[in-house]
């Protein structure tokens, strides 16, 4: 089954998490986290042919999960890798009609980093 494209939009999902380190004093330090995201939806360009233009809410708030690890490479220097799942949603409004549906946007976000300090 092939889906038809109805347009595009952009989203910025900043996430605030609290994490639990399983082995905080080891070289490899795995962790998990839970938190909240506040997503900003912008540049909405959605339209259904022969139906009309669609609009999305400009923001979304939802839960977020995180898992990752820090790897100590020297005193106060770490490499980091993590993955987050953010739960996003929005009402879908048909211009001139009102709410016609909802949409779920649940991206996986992958991060890599370099942490300074200890």
PDB file of N, CA and C in Angstrom:
ATOM      1  N   UNK A   1       0.845  -1.181   0.000  1.00  0.00           N
ATOM      2  CA  UNK A   1       0.000   0.000   0.000  1.00  0.00           C
ATOM      3  C   UNK A   1       0.884   1.236   0.000  1.00  0.00           C
ATOM      4  N   UNK A   2       0.613   2.155  -0.871  1.00  0.00           N
ATOM      5  CA  UNK A   2       1.390   3.373  -0.990  1.00  0.00           C
ATOM      6  C   UNK A   2       0.554   4.550  -0.516  1.00  0.00           C
ATOM      7  N   UNK A   3       1.125   5.365   0.385  1.00  0.00           N
ATOM      8  CA  UNK A   3       0.408   6.528   0.894  1.00  0.00           C
ATOM      9  C   UNK A   3       0.663   7.735   0.026  1.00  0.00           C
ATOM     10  N   UNK A   4      -0.292   8.605  -0.034  1.00  0.00           N
ATOM     11  CA  UNK A   4      -0.160   9.845  -0.778  1.00  0.00           C
ATOM     12  C   UNK A   4       0.353  10.933   0.152  1.00  0.00           C
ATOM     13  N   UNK A   5       1.242  11.749  -0.334  1.00  0.00           N
ATOM     14  CA  UNK A   5       1.756  12.863   0.445  1.00  0.00           C
ATOM     15  C   UNK A   5       0.735  13.996   0.456  1.00  0.00           C
ATOM     16  N   UNK A   6       0.454  14.526   1.645  1.00  0.00           N
ATOM     17  CA  UNK A   6      -0.470  15.661   1.739  1.00  0.00           C
ATOM     18  C   UNK A   6       0.248  16.937   2.168  1.00  0.00           C
ATOM     19  N   UNK A   7       1.582  16.870   2.302  1.00  0.00           N
ATOM     20  CA  UNK A   7       2.326  18.073   2.626  1.00  0.00           C
ATOM     21  C   UNK A   7       3.412  17.843   3.657  1.00  0.00           C
ATOM     22  N   UNK A   8       3.851  18.928   4.259  1.00  0.00           N
ATOM     23  CA  UNK A   8       4.960  18.880   5.208  1.00  0.00           C
ATOM     24  C   UNK A   8       4.711  19.843   6.371  1.00  0.00           C
ATOM     25  N   UNK A   9       5.473  19.641   7.427  1.00  0.00           N
ATOM     26  CA  UNK A   9       5.532  20.581   8.542  1.00  0.00           C
ATOM     27  C   UNK A   9       6.844  20.333   9.270  1.00  0.00           C
ATOM     28  N   UNK A  10       7.225  21.262  10.118  1.00  0.00           N
ATOM     29  CA  UNK A  10       8.440  21.129  10.919  1.00  0.00           C
ATOM     30  C   UNK A  10       8.048  21.030  12.379  1.00  0.00           C
ATOM     31  N   UNK A  11       8.914  20.352  13.170  1.00  0.00           N
ATOM     32  CA  UNK A  11       8.668  20.298  14.612  1.00  0.00           C
ATOM     33  C   UNK A  11       9.997  20.347  15.363  1.00  0.00           C
ATOM     34  N   UNK A  12       9.984  21.051  16.485  1.00  0.00           N
ATOM     35  CA  UNK A  12      11.136  21.179  17.371  1.00  0.00           C
ATOM     36  C   UNK A  12      10.703  20.641  18.727  1.00  0.00           C
ATOM     37  N   UNK A  13      11.204  19.428  19.133  1.00  0.00           N
ATOM     38  CA  UNK A  13      10.745  18.829  20.389  1.00  0.00           C
ATOM     39  C   UNK A  13      11.774  18.909  21.531  1.00  0.00           C
ATOM     40  N   UNK A  14      11.972  20.089  22.157  1.00  0.00           N
ATOM     41  CA  UNK A  14      12.861  20.123  23.305  1.00  0.00           C
ATOM     42  C   UNK A  14      12.321  19.225  24.421  1.00  0.00           C
ATOM     43  N   UNK A  15      13.230  18.501  25.076  1.00  0.00           N
ATOM     44  CA  UNK A  15      12.839  17.514  26.084  1.00  0.00           C
ATOM     45  C   UNK A  15      13.593  17.774  27.379  1.00  0.00           C
ATOM     46  N   UNK A  16      12.876  17.739  28.494  1.00  0.00           N
ATOM     47  CA  UNK A  16      13.466  17.845  29.829  1.00  0.00           C
ATOM     48  C   UNK A  16      13.282  16.497  30.518  1.00  0.00           C
ATOM     49  N   UNK A  17      14.395  15.856  30.885  1.00  0.00           N
ATOM     50  CA  UNK A  17      14.313  14.537  31.518  1.00  0.00           C
ATOM     51  C   UNK A  17      15.068  14.505  32.833  1.00  0.00           C
ATOM     52  N   UNK A  18      14.662  13.579  33.662  1.00  0.00           N
ATOM     53  CA  UNK A  18      15.385  13.217  34.878  1.00  0.00           C
ATOM     54  C   UNK A  18      15.926  11.826  34.613  1.00  0.00           C
ATOM     55  N   UNK A  19      17.221  11.615  34.879  1.00  0.00           N
ATOM     56  CA  UNK A  19      17.786  10.308  34.563  1.00  0.00           C
ATOM     57  C   UNK A  19      18.325   9.608  35.804  1.00  0.00           C
ATOM     58  N   UNK A  20      18.351   8.276  35.693  1.00  0.00           N
ATOM     59  CA  UNK A  20      18.906   7.439  36.753  1.00  0.00           C
ATOM     60  C   UNK A  20      20.119   6.725  36.186  1.00  0.00           C
ATOM     61  N   UNK A  21      21.285   6.932  36.824  1.00  0.00           N
ATOM     62  CA  UNK A  21      22.533   6.263  36.433  1.00  0.00           C
ATOM     63  C   UNK A  21      22.655   4.957  37.198  1.00  0.00           C
ATOM     64  N   UNK A  22      22.788   3.847  36.462  1.00  0.00           N
ATOM     65  CA  UNK A  22      22.916   2.537  37.098  1.00  0.00           C
ATOM     66  C   UNK A  22      24.291   2.340  37.741  1.00  0.00           C
ATOM     67  N   UNK A  23      25.347   2.803  37.079  1.00  0.00           N
ATOM     68  CA  UNK A  23      26.725   2.614  37.553  1.00  0.00           C
ATOM     69  C   UNK A  23      27.477   3.943  37.478  1.00  0.00           C
ATOM     70  N   UNK A  24      27.165   4.894  38.360  1.00  0.00           N
ATOM     71  CA  UNK A  24      27.705   6.254  38.210  1.00  0.00           C
ATOM     72  C   UNK A  24      29.213   6.390  38.379  1.00  0.00           C
ATOM     73  N   UNK A  25      29.876   5.403  38.964  1.00  0.00           N
ATOM     74  CA  UNK A  25      31.318   5.533  39.210  1.00  0.00           C
ATOM     75  C   UNK A  25      32.148   4.595  38.336  1.00  0.00           C
ATOM     76  N   UNK A  26      31.533   4.019  37.309  1.00  0.00           N
ATOM     77  CA  UNK A  26      32.234   3.093  36.423  1.00  0.00           C
ATOM     78  C   UNK A  26      32.652   3.796  35.134  1.00  0.00           C
ATOM     79  N   UNK A  27      33.477   3.123  34.349  1.00  0.00           N
ATOM     80  CA  UNK A  27      33.893   3.676  33.062  1.00  0.00           C
ATOM     81  C   UNK A  27      32.707   3.773  32.112  1.00  0.00           C
ATOM     82  N   UNK A  28      31.891   2.720  32.037  1.00  0.00           N
ATOM     83  CA  UNK A  28      30.673   2.728  31.232  1.00  0.00           C
ATOM     84  C   UNK A  28      29.496   2.965  32.174  1.00  0.00           C
ATOM     85  N   UNK A  29      28.745   4.048  31.936  1.00  0.00           N
ATOM     86  CA  UNK A  29      27.680   4.462  32.846  1.00  0.00           C
ATOM     87  C   UNK A  29      26.332   4.494  32.128  1.00  0.00           C
ATOM     88  N   UNK A  30      25.616   3.358  32.095  1.00  0.00           N
ATOM     89  CA  UNK A  30      24.298   3.355  31.447  1.00  0.00           C
ATOM     90  C   UNK A  30      23.260   4.091  32.296  1.00  0.00           C
ATOM     91  N   UNK A  31      22.240   4.630  31.620  1.00  0.00           N
ATOM     92  CA  UNK A  31      21.185   5.335  32.338  1.00  0.00           C
ATOM     93  C   UNK A  31      19.860   5.227  31.593  1.00  0.00           C
ATOM     94  N   UNK A  32      18.789   5.508  32.319  1.00  0.00           N
ATOM     95  CA  UNK A  32      17.455   5.650  31.744  1.00  0.00           C
ATOM     96  C   UNK A  32      16.871   6.949  32.272  1.00  0.00           C
ATOM     97  N   UNK A  33      15.921   7.491  31.548  1.00  0.00           N
ATOM     98  CA  UNK A  33      15.311   8.737  31.978  1.00  0.00           C
ATOM     99  C   UNK A  33      13.855   8.818  31.577  1.00  0.00           C
ATOM    100  N   UNK A  34      13.158   9.698  32.255  1.00  0.00           N
ATOM    101  CA  UNK A  34      11.758   9.965  31.955  1.00  0.00           C
ATOM    102  C   UNK A  34      11.554  11.475  32.065  1.00  0.00           C
ATOM    103  N   UNK A  35      10.659  12.005  31.251  1.00  0.00           N
ATOM    104  CA  UNK A  35      10.467  13.447  31.305  1.00  0.00           C
ATOM    105  C   UNK A  35       9.296  13.907  30.474  1.00  0.00           C
ATOM    106  N   UNK A  36       9.391  15.155  30.039  1.00  0.00           N
ATOM    107  CA  UNK A  36       8.311  15.792  29.298  1.00  0.00           C
ATOM    108  C   UNK A  36       8.907  16.547  28.115  1.00  0.00           C
ATOM    109  N   UNK A  37       8.156  16.598  27.028  1.00  0.00           N
ATOM    110  CA  UNK A  37       8.582  17.416  25.888  1.00  0.00           C
ATOM    111  C   UNK A  37       7.522  18.476  25.614  1.00  0.00           C
ATOM    112  N   UNK A  38       7.984  19.601  25.143  1.00  0.00           N
ATOM    113  CA  UNK A  38       7.106  20.693  24.724  1.00  0.00           C
ATOM    114  C   UNK A  38       7.478  20.980  23.276  1.00  0.00           C
ATOM    115  N   UNK A  39       6.691  20.481  22.352  1.00  0.00           N
ATOM    116  CA  UNK A  39       7.035  20.562  20.939  1.00  0.00           C
ATOM    117  C   UNK A  39       6.392  21.768  20.272  1.00  0.00           C
ATOM    118  N   UNK A  40       7.189  22.438  19.466  1.00  0.00           N
ATOM    119  CA  UNK A  40       6.726  23.573  18.686  1.00  0.00           C
ATOM    120  C   UNK A  40       6.564  23.095  17.238  1.00  0.00           C
ATOM    121  N   UNK A  41       5.354  23.228  16.703  1.00  0.00           N
ATOM    122  CA  UNK A  41       5.055  22.811  15.334  1.00  0.00           C
ATOM    123  C   UNK A  41       4.964  24.070  14.476  1.00  0.00           C
ATOM    124  N   UNK A  42       5.699  24.070  13.351  1.00  0.00           N
ATOM    125  CA  UNK A  42       5.732  25.270  12.507  1.00  0.00           C
ATOM    126  C   UNK A  42       5.763  24.894  11.028  1.00  0.00           C
ATOM    127  N   UNK A  43       5.692  25.900  10.189  1.00  0.00           N
ATOM    128  CA  UNK A  43       5.760  25.742   8.730  1.00  0.00           C
ATOM    129  C   UNK A  43       4.829  24.640   8.236  1.00  0.00           C
ATOM    130  N   UNK A  44       3.588  24.675   8.719  1.00  0.00           N
ATOM    131  CA  UNK A  44       2.593  23.676   8.322  1.00  0.00           C
ATOM    132  C   UNK A  44       2.120  23.979   6.903  1.00  0.00           C
ATOM    133  N   UNK A  45       2.289  23.004   6.026  1.00  0.00           N
ATOM    134  CA  UNK A  45       1.868  23.126   4.634  1.00  0.00           C
ATOM    135  C   UNK A  45       1.172  21.821   4.253  1.00  0.00           C
ATOM    136  N   UNK A  46      -0.072  21.669   4.702  1.00  0.00           N
ATOM    137  CA  UNK A  46      -0.837  20.438   4.486  1.00  0.00           C
ATOM    138  C   UNK A  46      -2.116  20.740   3.711  1.00  0.00           C
ATOM    139  N   UNK A  47      -2.410  19.892   2.736  1.00  0.00           N
ATOM    140  CA  UNK A  47      -3.616  20.071   1.937  1.00  0.00           C
ATOM    141  C   UNK A  47      -4.029  18.729   1.348  1.00  0.00           C
ATOM    142  N   UNK A  48      -5.328  18.462   1.386  1.00  0.00           N
ATOM    143  CA  UNK A  48      -5.879  17.261   0.761  1.00  0.00           C
ATOM    144  C   UNK A  48      -6.525  17.682  -0.548  1.00  0.00           C
ATOM    145  N   UNK A  49      -6.070  17.111  -1.678  1.00  0.00           N
ATOM    146  CA  UNK A  49      -6.641  17.500  -2.974  1.00  0.00           C
ATOM    147  C   UNK A  49      -8.167  17.348  -2.989  1.00  0.00           C
ATOM    148  N   UNK A  50      -8.842  18.318  -3.552  1.00  0.00           N
ATOM    149  CA  UNK A  50     -10.299  18.354  -3.686  1.00  0.00           C
ATOM    150  C   UNK A  50     -11.041  18.426  -2.351  1.00  0.00           C
ATOM    151  N   UNK A  51     -10.303  18.658  -1.232  1.00  0.00           N
ATOM    152  CA  UNK A  51     -10.938  18.768   0.083  1.00  0.00           C
ATOM    153  C   UNK A  51     -10.626  20.123   0.706  1.00  0.00           C
ATOM    154  N   UNK A  52      -9.319  20.428   0.873  1.00  0.00           N
ATOM    155  CA  UNK A  52      -8.960  21.719   1.436  1.00  0.00           C
ATOM    156  C   UNK A  52      -7.664  21.695   2.221  1.00  0.00           C
ATOM    157  N   UNK A  53      -7.373  22.832   2.825  1.00  0.00           N
ATOM    158  CA  UNK A  53      -6.151  23.033   3.597  1.00  0.00           C
ATOM    159  C   UNK A  53      -6.337  22.552   5.031  1.00  0.00           C
ATOM    160  N   UNK A  54      -5.300  21.896   5.566  1.00  0.00           N
ATOM    161  CA  UNK A  54      -5.321  21.402   6.937  1.00  0.00           C
ATOM    162  C   UNK A  54      -4.391  22.233   7.805  1.00  0.00           C
ATOM    163  N   UNK A  55      -4.748  22.404   9.059  1.00  0.00           N
ATOM    164  CA  UNK A  55      -3.931  23.113  10.042  1.00  0.00           C
ATOM    165  C   UNK A  55      -3.672  22.189  11.226  1.00  0.00           C
ATOM    166  N   UNK A  56      -2.513  22.365  11.896  1.00  0.00           N
ATOM    167  CA  UNK A  56      -2.165  21.639  13.111  1.00  0.00           C
ATOM    168  C   UNK A  56      -2.033  22.621  14.261  1.00  0.00           C
ATOM    169  N   UNK A  57      -2.178  22.134  15.501  1.00  0.00           N
ATOM    170  CA  UNK A  57      -1.882  22.967  16.670  1.00  0.00           C
ATOM    171  C   UNK A  57      -0.446  23.442  16.576  1.00  0.00           C
ATOM    172  N   UNK A  58      -0.138  24.578  17.158  1.00  0.00           N
ATOM    173  CA  UNK A  58       1.235  25.091  17.096  1.00  0.00           C
ATOM    174  C   UNK A  58       2.132  24.497  18.170  1.00  0.00           C
ATOM    175  N   UNK A  59       1.553  23.829  19.189  1.00  0.00           N
ATOM    176  CA  UNK A  59       2.359  23.207  20.242  1.00  0.00           C
ATOM    177  C   UNK A  59       1.766  21.858  20.638  1.00  0.00           C
ATOM    178  N   UNK A  60       2.620  21.055  21.283  1.00  0.00           N
ATOM    179  CA  UNK A  60       2.206  19.761  21.823  1.00  0.00           C
ATOM    180  C   UNK A  60       3.021  19.490  23.079  1.00  0.00           C
ATOM    181  N   UNK A  61       2.376  18.955  24.106  1.00  0.00           N
ATOM    182  CA  UNK A  61       3.063  18.566  25.338  1.00  0.00           C
ATOM    183  C   UNK A  61       2.812  17.082  25.543  1.00  0.00           C
ATOM    184  N   UNK A  62       3.870  16.335  25.872  1.00  0.00           N
ATOM    185  CA  UNK A  62       3.702  14.901  26.074  1.00  0.00           C
ATOM    186  C   UNK A  62       4.870  14.295  26.817  1.00  0.00           C
ATOM    187  N   UNK A  63       4.757  13.022  27.177  1.00  0.00           N
ATOM    188  CA  UNK A  63       5.824  12.342  27.902  1.00  0.00           C
ATOM    189  C   UNK A  63       7.000  12.001  26.990  1.00  0.00           C
ATOM    190  N   UNK A  64       8.136  11.742  27.616  1.00  0.00           N
ATOM    191  CA  UNK A  64       9.337  11.346  26.884  1.00  0.00           C
ATOM    192  C   UNK A  64      10.093  10.296  27.692  1.00  0.00           C
ATOM    193  N   UNK A  65      10.718   9.367  26.995  1.00  0.00           N
ATOM    194  CA  UNK A  65      11.566   8.338  27.601  1.00  0.00           C
ATOM    195  C   UNK A  65      12.952   8.447  27.002  1.00  0.00           C
ATOM    196  N   UNK A  66      13.966   8.033  27.789  1.00  0.00           N
ATOM    197  CA  UNK A  66      15.352   8.151  27.351  1.00  0.00           C
ATOM    198  C   UNK A  66      16.143   6.958  27.846  1.00  0.00           C
ATOM    199  N   UNK A  67      17.112   6.500  27.049  1.00  0.00           N
ATOM    200  CA  UNK A  67      18.078   5.483  27.465  1.00  0.00           C
ATOM    201  C   UNK A  67      19.402   5.812  26.793  1.00  0.00           C
ATOM    202  N   UNK A  68      20.487   5.596  27.507  1.00  0.00           N
ATOM    203  CA  UNK A  68      21.786   5.906  26.918  1.00  0.00           C
ATOM    204  C   UNK A  68      22.916   5.519  27.841  1.00  0.00           C
ATOM    205  N   UNK A  69      24.101   6.007  27.497  1.00  0.00           N
ATOM    206  CA  UNK A  69      25.261   5.747  28.331  1.00  0.00           C
ATOM    207  C   UNK A  69      26.292   6.856  28.162  1.00  0.00           C
ATOM    208  N   UNK A  70      27.086   7.035  29.204  1.00  0.00           N
ATOM    209  CA  UNK A  70      28.281   7.866  29.168  1.00  0.00           C
ATOM    210  C   UNK A  70      29.468   6.920  29.252  1.00  0.00           C
ATOM    211  N   UNK A  71      30.514   7.200  28.491  1.00  0.00           N
ATOM    212  CA  UNK A  71      31.729   6.390  28.524  1.00  0.00           C
ATOM    213  C   UNK A  71      32.891   7.305  28.890  1.00  0.00           C
ATOM    214  N   UNK A  72      33.520   7.022  30.027  1.00  0.00           N
ATOM    215  CA  UNK A  72      34.616   7.859  30.524  1.00  0.00           C
ATOM    216  C   UNK A  72      35.878   7.568  29.725  1.00  0.00           C
ATOM    217  N   UNK A  73      36.435   8.626  29.081  1.00  0.00           N
ATOM    218  CA  UNK A  73      37.663   8.442  28.302  1.00  0.00           C
ATOM    219  C   UNK A  73      38.881   9.025  29.012  1.00  0.00           C
ATOM    220  N   UNK A  74      38.678   9.898  29.993  1.00  0.00           N
ATOM    221  CA  UNK A  74      39.748  10.474  30.813  1.00  0.00           C
ATOM    222  C   UNK A  74      39.061  11.208  31.957  1.00  0.00           C
ATOM    223  N   UNK A  75      39.837  11.661  32.933  1.00  0.00           N
ATOM    224  CA  UNK A  75      39.238  12.433  34.024  1.00  0.00           C
ATOM    225  C   UNK A  75      38.449  13.606  33.454  1.00  0.00           C
ATOM    226  N   UNK A  76      37.197  13.688  33.813  1.00  0.00           N
ATOM    227  CA  UNK A  76      36.303  14.778  33.428  1.00  0.00           C
ATOM    228  C   UNK A  76      35.960  14.824  31.934  1.00  0.00           C
ATOM    229  N   UNK A  77      36.236  13.773  31.164  1.00  0.00           N
ATOM    230  CA  UNK A  77      35.918  13.743  29.736  1.00  0.00           C
ATOM    231  C   UNK A  77      35.121  12.468  29.442  1.00  0.00           C
ATOM    232  N   UNK A  78      33.964  12.638  28.815  1.00  0.00           N
ATOM    233  CA  UNK A  78      33.070  11.511  28.546  1.00  0.00           C
ATOM    234  C   UNK A  78      32.531  11.582  27.124  1.00  0.00           C
ATOM    235  N   UNK A  79      32.293  10.414  26.555  1.00  0.00           N
ATOM    236  CA  UNK A  79      31.512  10.305  25.330  1.00  0.00           C
ATOM    237  C   UNK A  79      30.104   9.893  25.731  1.00  0.00           C
ATOM    238  N   UNK A  80      29.103  10.343  25.000  1.00  0.00           N
ATOM    239  CA  UNK A  80      27.719  10.048  25.335  1.00  0.00           C
ATOM    240  C   UNK A  80      26.962   9.611  24.088  1.00  0.00           C
ATOM    241  N   UNK A  81      26.048   8.657  24.262  1.00  0.00           N
ATOM    242  CA  UNK A  81      25.102   8.268  23.211  1.00  0.00           C
ATOM    243  C   UNK A  81      23.772   7.983  23.887  1.00  0.00           C
ATOM    244  N   UNK A  82      22.671   8.398  23.245  1.00  0.00           N
ATOM    245  CA  UNK A  82      21.357   8.157  23.836  1.00  0.00           C
ATOM    246  C   UNK A  82      20.282   8.157  22.761  1.00  0.00           C
ATOM    247  N   UNK A  83      19.151   7.606  23.135  1.00  0.00           N
ATOM    248  CA  UNK A  83      17.969   7.630  22.284  1.00  0.00           C
ATOM    249  C   UNK A  83      16.786   8.064  23.149  1.00  0.00           C
ATOM    250  N   UNK A  84      15.938   8.902  22.569  1.00  0.00           N
ATOM    251  CA  UNK A  84      14.743   9.382  23.274  1.00  0.00           C
ATOM    252  C   UNK A  84      13.522   9.083  22.406  1.00  0.00           C
ATOM    253  N   UNK A  85      12.414   8.810  23.059  1.00  0.00           N
ATOM    254  CA  UNK A  85      11.125   8.682  22.387  1.00  0.00           C
ATOM    255  C   UNK A  85      10.233   9.773  22.939  1.00  0.00           C
ATOM    256  N   UNK A  86       9.749  10.634  22.063  1.00  0.00           N
ATOM    257  CA  UNK A  86       8.860  11.724  22.461  1.00  0.00           C
ATOM    258  C   UNK A  86       7.467  11.433  21.912  1.00  0.00           C
ATOM    259  N   UNK A  87       6.468  11.560  22.752  1.00  0.00           N
ATOM    260  CA  UNK A  87       5.082  11.354  22.338  1.00  0.00           C
ATOM    261  C   UNK A  87       4.477  12.719  22.009  1.00  0.00           C
ATOM    262  N   UNK A  88       4.129  12.923  20.751  1.00  0.00           N
ATOM    263  CA  UNK A  88       3.583  14.186  20.294  1.00  0.00           C
ATOM    264  C   UNK A  88       2.212  13.949  19.678  1.00  0.00           C
ATOM    265  N   UNK A  89       1.369  14.938  19.730  1.00  0.00           N
ATOM    266  CA  UNK A  89       0.057  14.833  19.110  1.00  0.00           C
ATOM    267  C   UNK A  89      -0.486  16.201  18.767  1.00  0.00           C
ATOM    268  N   UNK A  90      -1.436  16.222  17.841  1.00  0.00           N
ATOM    269  CA  UNK A  90      -2.044  17.482  17.448  1.00  0.00           C
ATOM    270  C   UNK A  90      -3.436  17.224  16.897  1.00  0.00           C
ATOM    271  N   UNK A  91      -4.312  18.204  17.100  1.00  0.00           N
ATOM    272  CA  UNK A  91      -5.594  18.182  16.403  1.00  0.00           C
ATOM    273  C   UNK A  91      -5.336  18.555  14.947  1.00  0.00           C
ATOM    274  N   UNK A  92      -6.128  17.993  14.062  1.00  0.00           N
ATOM    275  CA  UNK A  92      -6.070  18.338  12.643  1.00  0.00           C
ATOM    276  C   UNK A  92      -7.365  19.074  12.310  1.00  0.00           C
ATOM    277  N   UNK A  93      -7.218  20.320  11.886  1.00  0.00           N
ATOM    278  CA  UNK A  93      -8.378  21.148  11.534  1.00  0.00           C
ATOM    279  C   UNK A  93      -8.433  21.348  10.030  1.00  0.00           C
ATOM    280  N   UNK A  94      -9.612  21.191   9.456  1.00  0.00           N
ATOM    281  CA  UNK A  94      -9.857  21.528   8.060  1.00  0.00           C
ATOM    282  C   UNK A  94     -10.312  22.974   8.045  1.00  0.00           C
ATOM    283  N   UNK A  95      -9.589  23.803   7.314  1.00  0.00           N
ATOM    284  CA  UNK A  95      -9.901  25.234   7.267  1.00  0.00           C
ATOM    285  C   UNK A  95     -11.352  25.427   6.836  1.00  0.00           C
ATOM    286  N   UNK A  96     -12.108  26.194   7.626  1.00  0.00           N
ATOM    287  CA  UNK A  96     -13.496  26.481   7.343  1.00  0.00           C
ATOM    288  C   UNK A  96     -14.471  25.471   7.915  1.00  0.00           C
ATOM    289  N   UNK A  97     -13.950  24.348   8.452  1.00  0.00           N
ATOM    290  CA  UNK A  97     -14.816  23.296   8.995  1.00  0.00           C
ATOM    291  C   UNK A  97     -14.568  23.085  10.483  1.00  0.00           C
ATOM    292  N   UNK A  98     -13.296  23.028  10.877  1.00  0.00           N
ATOM    293  CA  UNK A  98     -12.939  22.743  12.268  1.00  0.00           C
ATOM    294  C   UNK A  98     -12.213  21.410  12.379  1.00  0.00           C
ATOM    295  N   UNK A  99     -12.203  20.876  13.584  1.00  0.00           N
ATOM    296  CA  UNK A  99     -11.453  19.641  13.860  1.00  0.00           C
ATOM    297  C   UNK A  99     -12.050  18.459  13.097  1.00  0.00           C
ATOM    298  N   UNK A 100     -11.179  17.757  12.379  1.00  0.00           N
ATOM    299  CA  UNK A 100     -11.621  16.592  11.622  1.00  0.00           C
ATOM    300  C   UNK A 100     -10.901  15.319  12.046  1.00  0.00           C
ATOM    301  N   UNK A 101      -9.768  15.454  12.777  1.00  0.00           N
ATOM    302  CA  UNK A 101      -9.005  14.276  13.181  1.00  0.00           C
ATOM    303  C   UNK A 101      -7.918  14.679  14.173  1.00  0.00           C
ATOM    304  N   UNK A 102      -7.137  13.716  14.566  1.00  0.00           N
ATOM    305  CA  UNK A 102      -5.927  13.955  15.348  1.00  0.00           C
ATOM    306  C   UNK A 102      -4.782  13.220  14.670  1.00  0.00           C
ATOM    307  N   UNK A 103      -3.582  13.643  14.977  1.00  0.00           N
ATOM    308  CA  UNK A 103      -2.398  12.997  14.416  1.00  0.00           C
ATOM    309  C   UNK A 103      -1.425  12.701  15.554  1.00  0.00           C
ATOM    310  N   UNK A 104      -0.775  11.536  15.496  1.00  0.00           N
ATOM    311  CA  UNK A 104       0.270  11.162  16.451  1.00  0.00           C
ATOM    312  C   UNK A 104       1.601  11.227  15.720  1.00  0.00           C
ATOM    313  N   UNK A 105       2.547  11.904  16.344  1.00  0.00           N
ATOM    314  CA  UNK A 105       3.898  12.030  15.796  1.00  0.00           C
ATOM    315  C   UNK A 105       4.824  11.602  16.920  1.00  0.00           C
ATOM    316  N   UNK A 106       5.353  10.416  16.853  1.00  0.00           N
ATOM    317  CA  UNK A 106       6.156   9.875  17.961  1.00  0.00           C
ATOM    318  C   UNK A 106       7.579   9.580  17.482  1.00  0.00           C
ATOM    319  N   UNK A 107       8.407  10.626  17.350  1.00  0.00           N
ATOM    320  CA  UNK A 107       9.748  10.406  16.797  1.00  0.00           C
ATOM    321  C   UNK A 107      10.712   9.783  17.806  1.00  0.00           C
ATOM    322  N   UNK A 108      11.645   9.014  17.280  1.00  0.00           N
ATOM    323  CA  UNK A 108      12.814   8.581  18.036  1.00  0.00           C
ATOM    324  C   UNK A 108      13.909   9.591  17.740  1.00  0.00           C
ATOM    325  N   UNK A 109      14.558  10.089  18.777  1.00  0.00           N
ATOM    326  CA  UNK A 109      15.621  11.076  18.636  1.00  0.00           C
ATOM    327  C   UNK A 109      16.924  10.443  19.109  1.00  0.00           C
ATOM    328  N   UNK A 110      17.943  10.496  18.270  1.00  0.00           N
ATOM    329  CA  UNK A 110      19.229   9.902  18.602  1.00  0.00           C
ATOM    330  C   UNK A 110      20.232  11.008  18.874  1.00  0.00           C
ATOM    331  N   UNK A 111      21.001  10.846  19.945  1.00  0.00           N
ATOM    332  CA  UNK A 111      21.969  11.869  20.304  1.00  0.00           C
ATOM    333  C   UNK A 111      23.333  11.285  20.572  1.00  0.00           C
ATOM    334  N   UNK A 112      24.334  12.049  20.239  1.00  0.00           N
ATOM    335  CA  UNK A 112      25.715  11.704  20.531  1.00  0.00           C
ATOM    336  C   UNK A 112      26.355  12.970  21.072  1.00  0.00           C
ATOM    337  N   UNK A 113      27.211  12.825  22.043  1.00  0.00           N
ATOM    338  CA  UNK A 113      27.765  14.033  22.620  1.00  0.00           C
ATOM    339  C   UNK A 113      29.091  13.825  23.290  1.00  0.00           C
ATOM    340  N   UNK A 114      29.594  14.904  23.777  1.00  0.00           N
ATOM    341  CA  UNK A 114      30.876  14.939  24.466  1.00  0.00           C
ATOM    342  C   UNK A 114      30.645  15.764  25.716  1.00  0.00           C
ATOM    343  N   UNK A 115      30.767  15.135  26.891  1.00  0.00           N
ATOM    344  CA  UNK A 115      30.471  15.829  28.136  1.00  0.00           C
ATOM    345  C   UNK A 115      31.775  16.286  28.790  1.00  0.00           C
ATOM    346  N   UNK A 116      31.819  17.549  29.186  1.00  0.00           N
ATOM    347  CA  UNK A 116      32.965  18.095  29.895  1.00  0.00           C
ATOM    348  C   UNK A 116      32.636  18.132  31.377  1.00  0.00           C
ATOM    349  N   UNK A 117      33.551  17.820  32.203  1.00  0.00           N
ATOM    350  CA  UNK A 117      33.314  17.891  33.643  1.00  0.00           C
ATOM    351  C   UNK A 117      33.020  16.537  34.224  1.00  0.00           C
ATOM    352  N   UNK A 118      32.884  16.504  35.512  1.00  0.00           N
ATOM    353  CA  UNK A 118      32.791  15.207  36.142  1.00  0.00           C
ATOM    354  C   UNK A 118      31.618  14.916  36.926  1.00  0.00           C
TER     355      UNK A 118
END
